[in-house]
Amino acid sequence: GNEDDARVFLKKKQELADKNEGLKVAYTAAAENASKM
């Protein structure tokens, strides 16, 4: 029953989700480079 706490956790989750998109791009590029090499 603690919505405020839930909002804090979801805000952190959103920050990590945004970070996740960048990490996916980096991983995709690294995987392609590794495959070529």
ModelCIF file with pLDDT and N, C-alpha, C, O atoms, coordinates in Angstrom:
data_MODEL
#
_entry.id   MODEL 
#
_entity.id                         1 
_entity.type                       polymer 
_entity.pdbx_number_of_molecules   1 
#
_entity_poly.entity_id                      1 
_entity_poly.type                           'polypeptide(L)' 
_entity_poly.nstd_linkage                   no 
_entity_poly.nstd_monomer                   no 
_entity_poly.pdbx_seq_one_letter_code       GNEDDARVFLKKKQELADKNEGLKVAYTAAAENASKM 
_entity_poly.pdbx_seq_one_letter_code_can   GNEDDARVFLKKKQELADKNEGLKVAYTAAAENASKM 
_entity_poly.pdbx_strand_id                 A 
#
loop_
_entity_poly_seq.entity_id 
_entity_poly_seq.num 
_entity_poly_seq.mon_id 
_entity_poly_seq.hetero 
1 1  GLY n 
1 2  ASN n 
1 3  GLU n 
1 4  ASP n 
1 5  ASP n 
1 6  ALA n 
1 7  ARG n 
1 8  VAL n 
1 9  PHE n 
1 10 LEU n 
1 11 LYS n 
1 12 LYS n 
1 13 LYS n 
1 14 GLN n 
1 15 GLU n 
1 16 LEU n 
1 17 ALA n 
1 18 ASP n 
1 19 LYS n 
1 20 ASN n 
1 21 GLU n 
1 22 GLY n 
1 23 LEU n 
1 24 LYS n 
1 25 VAL n 
1 26 ALA n 
1 27 TYR n 
1 28 THR n 
1 29 ALA n 
1 30 ALA n 
1 31 ALA n 
1 32 GLU n 
1 33 ASN n 
1 34 ALA n 
1 35 SER n 
1 36 LYS n 
1 37 MET n 
#
_struct_asym.id          A 
_struct_asym.entity_id   1 
#
loop_
_ma_qa_metric.id 
_ma_qa_metric.mode 
_ma_qa_metric.name 
_ma_qa_metric.software_group_id 
_ma_qa_metric.type 
1 global pLDDT . pLDDT 
2 local  pLDDT . pLDDT 
#
_ma_qa_metric_global.metric_id      1 
_ma_qa_metric_global.metric_value   93.08 
_ma_qa_metric_global.model_id       1 
_ma_qa_metric_global.ordinal_id     1 
#
loop_
_ma_qa_metric_local.label_asym_id 
_ma_qa_metric_local.label_comp_id 
_ma_qa_metric_local.label_seq_id 
_ma_qa_metric_local.metric_id 
_ma_qa_metric_local.metric_value 
_ma_qa_metric_local.model_id 
_ma_qa_metric_local.ordinal_id 
A GLY 1  2 91.00 1 1  
A ASN 2  2 93.00 1 2  
A GLU 3  2 92.00 1 3  
A ASP 4  2 93.00 1 4  
A ASP 5  2 93.00 1 5  
A ALA 6  2 94.00 1 6  
A ARG 7  2 94.00 1 7  
A VAL 8  2 94.00 1 8  
A PHE 9  2 94.00 1 9  
A LEU 10 2 94.00 1 10 
A LYS 11 2 95.00 1 11 
A LYS 12 2 95.00 1 12 
A LYS 13 2 94.00 1 13 
A GLN 14 2 95.00 1 14 
A GLU 15 2 94.00 1 15 
A LEU 16 2 95.00 1 16 
A ALA 17 2 94.00 1 17 
A ASP 18 2 94.00 1 18 
A LYS 19 2 94.00 1 19 
A ASN 20 2 93.00 1 20 
A GLU 21 2 93.00 1 21 
A GLY 22 2 94.00 1 22 
A LEU 23 2 95.00 1 23 
A LYS 24 2 95.00 1 24 
A VAL 25 2 94.00 1 25 
A ALA 26 2 94.00 1 26 
A TYR 27 2 94.00 1 27 
A THR 28 2 94.00 1 28 
A ALA 29 2 93.00 1 29 
A ALA 30 2 93.00 1 30 
A ALA 31 2 93.00 1 31 
A GLU 32 2 92.00 1 32 
A ASN 33 2 90.00 1 33 
A ALA 34 2 90.00 1 34 
A SER 35 2 91.00 1 35 
A LYS 36 2 88.00 1 36 
A MET 37 2 86.00 1 37 
#
loop_
_atom_site.group_PDB 
_atom_site.id 
_atom_site.type_symbol 
_atom_site.label_atom_id 
_atom_site.label_alt_id 
_atom_site.label_comp_id 
_atom_site.label_asym_id 
_atom_site.label_entity_id 
_atom_site.label_seq_id 
_atom_site.pdbx_PDB_ins_code 
_atom_site.Cartn_x 
_atom_site.Cartn_y 
_atom_site.Cartn_z 
_atom_site.occupancy 
_atom_site.B_iso_or_equiv 
_atom_site.pdbx_formal_charge 
_atom_site.auth_seq_id 
_atom_site.auth_comp_id 
_atom_site.auth_asym_id 
_atom_site.auth_atom_id 
_atom_site.pdbx_PDB_model_num 
ATOM 1   N N  . GLY A 1 1  ? 0.795  -1.215  0.000   1.00 91.00 ? 1  GLY A N  1 
ATOM 2   C CA . GLY A 1 1  ? 0.000  0.000   0.000   1.00 91.00 ? 1  GLY A CA 1 
ATOM 3   C C  . GLY A 1 1  ? 0.820  1.254   0.000   1.00 91.00 ? 1  GLY A C  1 
ATOM 4   O O  . GLY A 1 1  ? 0.300  2.316   0.343   1.00 91.00 ? 1  GLY A O  1 
ATOM 5   N N  . ASN A 1 2  ? 2.084  1.184   -0.370  1.00 93.00 ? 2  ASN A N  1 
ATOM 6   C CA . ASN A 1 2  ? 2.978  2.341   -0.406  1.00 93.00 ? 2  ASN A CA 1 
ATOM 7   C C  . ASN A 1 2  ? 3.223  2.773   -1.859  1.00 93.00 ? 2  ASN A C  1 
ATOM 8   O O  . ASN A 1 2  ? 4.209  2.368   -2.475  1.00 93.00 ? 2  ASN A O  1 
ATOM 9   N N  . GLU A 1 3  ? 2.308  3.606   -2.402  1.00 92.00 ? 3  GLU A N  1 
ATOM 10  C CA . GLU A 1 3  ? 2.435  4.040   -3.789  1.00 92.00 ? 3  GLU A CA 1 
ATOM 11  C C  . GLU A 1 3  ? 3.656  4.942   -3.993  1.00 92.00 ? 3  GLU A C  1 
ATOM 12  O O  . GLU A 1 3  ? 4.323  4.889   -5.026  1.00 92.00 ? 3  GLU A O  1 
ATOM 13  N N  . ASP A 1 4  ? 3.932  5.778   -2.970  1.00 93.00 ? 4  ASP A N  1 
ATOM 14  C CA . ASP A 1 4  ? 5.089  6.677   -3.123  1.00 93.00 ? 4  ASP A CA 1 
ATOM 15  C C  . ASP A 1 4  ? 6.391  5.874   -3.279  1.00 93.00 ? 4  ASP A C  1 
ATOM 16  O O  . ASP A 1 4  ? 7.258  6.189   -4.094  1.00 93.00 ? 4  ASP A O  1 
ATOM 17  N N  . ASP A 1 5  ? 6.478  4.833   -2.459  1.00 93.00 ? 5  ASP A N  1 
ATOM 18  C CA . ASP A 1 5  ? 7.681  3.975   -2.595  1.00 93.00 ? 5  ASP A CA 1 
ATOM 19  C C  . ASP A 1 5  ? 7.701  3.294   -3.960  1.00 93.00 ? 5  ASP A C  1 
ATOM 20  O O  . ASP A 1 5  ? 8.748  3.140   -4.589  1.00 93.00 ? 5  ASP A O  1 
ATOM 21  N N  . ALA A 1 6  ? 6.515  2.895   -4.393  1.00 94.00 ? 6  ALA A N  1 
ATOM 22  C CA . ALA A 1 6  ? 6.434  2.242   -5.705  1.00 94.00 ? 6  ALA A CA 1 
ATOM 23  C C  . ALA A 1 6  ? 6.878  3.195   -6.801  1.00 94.00 ? 6  ALA A C  1 
ATOM 24  O O  . ALA A 1 6  ? 7.560  2.802   -7.748  1.00 94.00 ? 6  ALA A O  1 
ATOM 25  N N  . ARG A 1 7  ? 6.467  4.496   -6.654  1.00 94.00 ? 7  ARG A N  1 
ATOM 26  C CA . ARG A 1 7  ? 6.891  5.480   -7.658  1.00 94.00 ? 7  ARG A CA 1 
ATOM 27  C C  . ARG A 1 7  ? 8.416  5.628   -7.690  1.00 94.00 ? 7  ARG A C  1 
ATOM 28  O O  . ARG A 1 7  ? 9.005  5.733   -8.765  1.00 94.00 ? 7  ARG A O  1 
ATOM 29  N N  . VAL A 1 8  ? 9.054  5.636   -6.515  1.00 94.00 ? 8  VAL A N  1 
ATOM 30  C CA . VAL A 1 8  ? 10.528 5.760   -6.451  1.00 94.00 ? 8  VAL A CA 1 
ATOM 31  C C  . VAL A 1 8  ? 11.194 4.591   -7.173  1.00 94.00 ? 8  VAL A C  1 
ATOM 32  O O  . VAL A 1 8  ? 12.132 4.772   -7.949  1.00 94.00 ? 8  VAL A O  1 
ATOM 33  N N  . PHE A 1 9  ? 10.689 3.399   -6.902  1.00 94.00 ? 9  PHE A N  1 
ATOM 34  C CA . PHE A 1 9  ? 11.270 2.197   -7.550  1.00 94.00 ? 9  PHE A CA 1 
ATOM 35  C C  . PHE A 1 9  ? 11.045 2.211   -9.073  1.00 94.00 ? 9  PHE A C  1 
ATOM 36  O O  . PHE A 1 9  ? 11.917 1.825   -9.851  1.00 94.00 ? 9  PHE A O  1 
ATOM 37  N N  . LEU A 1 10 ? 9.854  2.666   -9.467  1.00 94.00 ? 10 LEU A N  1 
ATOM 38  C CA . LEU A 1 10 ? 9.561  2.695   -10.912 1.00 94.00 ? 10 LEU A CA 1 
ATOM 39  C C  . LEU A 1 10 ? 10.375 3.777   -11.625 1.00 94.00 ? 10 LEU A C  1 
ATOM 40  O O  . LEU A 1 10 ? 10.759 3.619   -12.784 1.00 94.00 ? 10 LEU A O  1 
ATOM 41  N N  . LYS A 1 11 ? 10.635 4.899   -10.899 1.00 95.00 ? 11 LYS A N  1 
ATOM 42  C CA . LYS A 1 11 ? 11.477 5.948   -11.489 1.00 95.00 ? 11 LYS A CA 1 
ATOM 43  C C  . LYS A 1 11 ? 12.892 5.421   -11.726 1.00 95.00 ? 11 LYS A C  1 
ATOM 44  O O  . LYS A 1 11 ? 13.500 5.679   -12.765 1.00 95.00 ? 11 LYS A O  1 
ATOM 45  N N  . LYS A 1 12 ? 13.399 4.683   -10.748 1.00 95.00 ? 12 LYS A N  1 
ATOM 46  C CA . LYS A 1 12 ? 14.744 4.097   -10.901 1.00 95.00 ? 12 LYS A CA 1 
ATOM 47  C C  . LYS A 1 12 ? 14.743 3.067   -12.023 1.00 95.00 ? 12 LYS A C  1 
ATOM 48  O O  . LYS A 1 12 ? 15.702 2.959   -12.787 1.00 95.00 ? 12 LYS A O  1 
ATOM 49  N N  . LYS A 1 13 ? 13.660 2.319   -12.108 1.00 94.00 ? 13 LYS A N  1 
ATOM 50  C CA . LYS A 1 13 ? 13.526 1.329   -13.169 1.00 94.00 ? 13 LYS A CA 1 
ATOM 51  C C  . LYS A 1 13 ? 13.560 2.019   -14.526 1.00 94.00 ? 13 LYS A C  1 
ATOM 52  O O  . LYS A 1 13 ? 14.194 1.529   -15.461 1.00 94.00 ? 13 LYS A O  1 
ATOM 53  N N  . GLN A 1 14 ? 12.862 3.181   -14.634 1.00 95.00 ? 14 GLN A N  1 
ATOM 54  C CA . GLN A 1 14 ? 12.832 3.900   -15.906 1.00 95.00 ? 14 GLN A CA 1 
ATOM 55  C C  . GLN A 1 14 ? 14.218 4.405   -16.293 1.00 95.00 ? 14 GLN A C  1 
ATOM 56  O O  . GLN A 1 14 ? 14.609 4.356   -17.459 1.00 95.00 ? 14 GLN A O  1 
ATOM 57  N N  . GLU A 1 15 ? 14.951 4.891   -15.295 1.00 94.00 ? 15 GLU A N  1 
ATOM 58  C CA . GLU A 1 15 ? 16.338 5.351   -15.566 1.00 94.00 ? 15 GLU A CA 1 
ATOM 59  C C  . GLU A 1 15 ? 17.189 4.202   -16.100 1.00 94.00 ? 15 GLU A C  1 
ATOM 60  O O  . GLU A 1 15 ? 17.968 4.363   -17.039 1.00 94.00 ? 15 GLU A O  1 
ATOM 61  N N  . LEU A 1 16 ? 17.019 3.041   -15.476 1.00 95.00 ? 16 LEU A N  1 
ATOM 62  C CA . LEU A 1 16 ? 17.788 1.868   -15.914 1.00 95.00 ? 16 LEU A CA 1 
ATOM 63  C C  . LEU A 1 16 ? 17.332 1.389   -17.292 1.00 95.00 ? 16 LEU A C  1 
ATOM 64  O O  . LEU A 1 16 ? 18.133 0.896   -18.086 1.00 95.00 ? 16 LEU A O  1 
ATOM 65  N N  . ALA A 1 17 ? 16.042 1.541   -17.562 1.00 94.00 ? 17 ALA A N  1 
ATOM 66  C CA . ALA A 1 17 ? 15.519 1.149   -18.871 1.00 94.00 ? 17 ALA A CA 1 
ATOM 67  C C  . ALA A 1 17 ? 16.109 2.030   -19.964 1.00 94.00 ? 17 ALA A C  1 
ATOM 68  O O  . ALA A 1 17 ? 16.465 1.548   -21.039 1.00 94.00 ? 17 ALA A O  1 
ATOM 69  N N  . ASP A 1 18 ? 16.212 3.351   -19.675 1.00 94.00 ? 18 ASP A N  1 
ATOM 70  C CA . ASP A 1 18 ? 16.839 4.263   -20.648 1.00 94.00 ? 18 ASP A CA 1 
ATOM 71  C C  . ASP A 1 18 ? 18.303 3.868   -20.872 1.00 94.00 ? 18 ASP A C  1 
ATOM 72  O O  . ASP A 1 18 ? 18.799 3.856   -21.999 1.00 94.00 ? 18 ASP A O  1 
ATOM 73  N N  . LYS A 1 19 ? 18.972 3.547   -19.768 1.00 94.00 ? 19 LYS A N  1 
ATOM 74  C CA . LYS A 1 19 ? 20.365 3.102   -19.875 1.00 94.00 ? 19 LYS A CA 1 
ATOM 75  C C  . LYS A 1 19 ? 20.454 1.812   -20.670 1.00 94.00 ? 19 LYS A C  1 
ATOM 76  O O  . LYS A 1 19 ? 21.422 1.593   -21.399 1.00 94.00 ? 19 LYS A O  1 
ATOM 77  N N  . ASN A 1 20 ? 19.462 0.968   -20.535 1.00 93.00 ? 20 ASN A N  1 
ATOM 78  C CA . ASN A 1 20 ? 19.452 -0.324  -21.204 1.00 93.00 ? 20 ASN A CA 1 
ATOM 79  C C  . ASN A 1 20 ? 19.485 -0.181  -22.719 1.00 93.00 ? 20 ASN A C  1 
ATOM 80  O O  . ASN A 1 20 ? 20.114 -0.985  -23.408 1.00 93.00 ? 20 ASN A O  1 
ATOM 81  N N  . GLU A 1 21 ? 18.806 0.846   -23.241 1.00 93.00 ? 21 GLU A N  1 
ATOM 82  C CA . GLU A 1 21 ? 18.786 1.057   -24.690 1.00 93.00 ? 21 GLU A CA 1 
ATOM 83  C C  . GLU A 1 21 ? 20.189 1.360   -25.214 1.00 93.00 ? 21 GLU A C  1 
ATOM 84  O O  . GLU A 1 21 ? 20.602 0.856   -26.258 1.00 93.00 ? 21 GLU A O  1 
ATOM 85  N N  . GLY A 1 22 ? 20.900 2.185   -24.472 1.00 94.00 ? 22 GLY A N  1 
ATOM 86  C CA . GLY A 1 22 ? 22.283 2.485   -24.869 1.00 94.00 ? 22 GLY A CA 1 
ATOM 87  C C  . GLY A 1 22 ? 23.186 1.257   -24.795 1.00 94.00 ? 22 GLY A C  1 
ATOM 88  O O  . GLY A 1 22 ? 24.048 1.039   -25.646 1.00 94.00 ? 22 GLY A O  1 
ATOM 89  N N  . LEU A 1 23 ? 22.959 0.466   -23.751 1.00 95.00 ? 23 LEU A N  1 
ATOM 90  C CA . LEU A 1 23 ? 23.764 -0.745  -23.603 1.00 95.00 ? 23 LEU A CA 1 
ATOM 91  C C  . LEU A 1 23 ? 23.469 -1.757  -24.713 1.00 95.00 ? 23 LEU A C  1 
ATOM 92  O O  . LEU A 1 23 ? 24.361 -2.477  -25.161 1.00 95.00 ? 23 LEU A O  1 
ATOM 93  N N  . LYS A 1 24 ? 22.204 -1.803  -25.150 1.00 95.00 ? 24 LYS A N  1 
ATOM 94  C CA . LYS A 1 24 ? 21.861 -2.699  -26.258 1.00 95.00 ? 24 LYS A CA 1 
ATOM 95  C C  . LYS A 1 24 ? 22.577 -2.291  -27.543 1.00 95.00 ? 24 LYS A C  1 
ATOM 96  O O  . LYS A 1 24 ? 23.088 -3.133  -28.281 1.00 95.00 ? 24 LYS A O  1 
ATOM 97  N N  . VAL A 1 25 ? 22.602 -0.973  -27.798 1.00 94.00 ? 25 VAL A N  1 
ATOM 98  C CA . VAL A 1 25 ? 23.302 -0.467  -28.986 1.00 94.00 ? 25 VAL A CA 1 
ATOM 99  C C  . VAL A 1 25 ? 24.793 -0.814  -28.914 1.00 94.00 ? 25 VAL A C  1 
ATOM 100 O O  . VAL A 1 25 ? 25.390 -1.250  -29.898 1.00 94.00 ? 25 VAL A O  1 
ATOM 101 N N  . ALA A 1 26 ? 25.380 -0.611  -27.728 1.00 94.00 ? 26 ALA A N  1 
ATOM 102 C CA . ALA A 1 26 ? 26.809 -0.900  -27.551 1.00 94.00 ? 26 ALA A CA 1 
ATOM 103 C C  . ALA A 1 26 ? 27.082 -2.391  -27.725 1.00 94.00 ? 26 ALA A C  1 
ATOM 104 O O  . ALA A 1 26 ? 28.060 -2.792  -28.357 1.00 94.00 ? 26 ALA A O  1 
ATOM 105 N N  . TYR A 1 27 ? 26.200 -3.199  -27.151 1.00 94.00 ? 27 TYR A N  1 
ATOM 106 C CA . TYR A 1 27 ? 26.410 -4.644  -27.257 1.00 94.00 ? 27 TYR A CA 1 
ATOM 107 C C  . TYR A 1 27 ? 26.256 -5.127  -28.700 1.00 94.00 ? 27 TYR A C  1 
ATOM 108 O O  . TYR A 1 27 ? 27.024 -5.972  -29.158 1.00 94.00 ? 27 TYR A O  1 
ATOM 109 N N  . THR A 1 28 ? 25.267 -4.593  -29.411 1.00 94.00 ? 28 THR A N  1 
ATOM 110 C CA . THR A 1 28 ? 25.056 -4.990  -30.812 1.00 94.00 ? 28 THR A CA 1 
ATOM 111 C C  . THR A 1 28 ? 26.288 -4.653  -31.653 1.00 94.00 ? 28 THR A C  1 
ATOM 112 O O  . THR A 1 28 ? 26.732 -5.462  -32.467 1.00 94.00 ? 28 THR A O  1 
ATOM 113 N N  . ALA A 1 29 ? 26.834 -3.455  -31.451 1.00 93.00 ? 29 ALA A N  1 
ATOM 114 C CA . ALA A 1 29 ? 28.035 -3.039  -32.190 1.00 93.00 ? 29 ALA A CA 1 
ATOM 115 C C  . ALA A 1 29 ? 29.224 -3.919  -31.822 1.00 93.00 ? 29 ALA A C  1 
ATOM 116 O O  . ALA A 1 29 ? 29.983 -4.342  -32.694 1.00 93.00 ? 29 ALA A O  1 
ATOM 117 N N  . ALA A 1 30 ? 29.386 -4.194  -30.522 1.00 93.00 ? 30 ALA A N  1 
ATOM 118 C CA . ALA A 1 30 ? 30.498 -5.026  -30.075 1.00 93.00 ? 30 ALA A CA 1 
ATOM 119 C C  . ALA A 1 30 ? 30.375 -6.442  -30.630 1.00 93.00 ? 30 ALA A C  1 
ATOM 120 O O  . ALA A 1 30 ? 31.373 -7.055  -31.008 1.00 93.00 ? 30 ALA A O  1 
ATOM 121 N N  . ALA A 1 31 ? 29.148 -6.956  -30.679 1.00 93.00 ? 31 ALA A N  1 
ATOM 122 C CA . ALA A 1 31 ? 28.934 -8.310  -31.205 1.00 93.00 ? 31 ALA A CA 1 
ATOM 123 C C  . ALA A 1 31 ? 29.257 -8.367  -32.697 1.00 93.00 ? 31 ALA A C  1 
ATOM 124 O O  . ALA A 1 31 ? 29.853 -9.332  -33.175 1.00 93.00 ? 31 ALA A O  1 
ATOM 125 N N  . GLU A 1 32 ? 28.855 -7.318  -33.433 1.00 92.00 ? 32 GLU A N  1 
ATOM 126 C CA . GLU A 1 32 ? 29.154 -7.275  -34.870 1.00 92.00 ? 32 GLU A CA 1 
ATOM 127 C C  . GLU A 1 32 ? 30.657 -7.180  -35.111 1.00 92.00 ? 32 GLU A C  1 
ATOM 128 O O  . GLU A 1 32 ? 31.201 -7.850  -35.989 1.00 92.00 ? 32 GLU A O  1 
ATOM 129 N N  . ASN A 1 33 ? 31.320 -6.339  -34.316 1.00 90.00 ? 33 ASN A N  1 
ATOM 130 C CA . ASN A 1 33 ? 32.777 -6.217  -34.451 1.00 90.00 ? 33 ASN A CA 1 
ATOM 131 C C  . ASN A 1 33 ? 33.472 -7.540  -34.147 1.00 90.00 ? 33 ASN A C  1 
ATOM 132 O O  . ASN A 1 33 ? 34.397 -7.944  -34.851 1.00 90.00 ? 33 ASN A O  1 
ATOM 133 N N  . ALA A 1 34 ? 33.020 -8.201  -33.102 1.00 90.00 ? 34 ALA A N  1 
ATOM 134 C CA . ALA A 1 34 ? 33.626 -9.487  -32.720 1.00 90.00 ? 34 ALA A CA 1 
ATOM 135 C C  . ALA A 1 34 ? 33.403 -10.520 -33.813 1.00 90.00 ? 34 ALA A C  1 
ATOM 136 O O  . ALA A 1 34 ? 34.294 -11.314 -34.116 1.00 90.00 ? 34 ALA A O  1 
ATOM 137 N N  . SER A 1 35 ? 32.205 -10.509 -34.408 1.00 91.00 ? 35 SER A N  1 
ATOM 138 C CA . SER A 1 35 ? 31.906 -11.460 -35.482 1.00 91.00 ? 35 SER A CA 1 
ATOM 139 C C  . SER A 1 35 ? 32.810 -11.212 -36.687 1.00 91.00 ? 35 SER A C  1 
ATOM 140 O O  . SER A 1 35 ? 33.344 -12.152 -37.275 1.00 91.00 ? 35 SER A O  1 
ATOM 141 N N  . LYS A 1 36 ? 32.976 -9.947  -37.049 1.00 88.00 ? 36 LYS A N  1 
ATOM 142 C CA . LYS A 1 36 ? 33.840 -9.609  -38.189 1.00 88.00 ? 36 LYS A CA 1 
ATOM 143 C C  . LYS A 1 36 ? 35.289 -10.004 -37.918 1.00 88.00 ? 36 LYS A C  1 
ATOM 144 O O  . LYS A 1 36 ? 35.978 -10.538 -38.787 1.00 88.00 ? 36 LYS A O  1 
ATOM 145 N N  . MET A 1 37 ? 35.733 -9.729  -36.695 1.00 86.00 ? 37 MET A N  1 
ATOM 146 C CA . MET A 1 37 ? 37.113 -10.061 -36.357 1.00 86.00 ? 37 MET A CA 1 
ATOM 147 C C  . MET A 1 37 ? 37.332 -11.566 -36.342 1.00 86.00 ? 37 MET A C  1 
ATOM 148 O O  . MET A 1 37 ? 38.442 -12.026 -36.076 1.00 86.00 ? 37 MET A O  1 
#
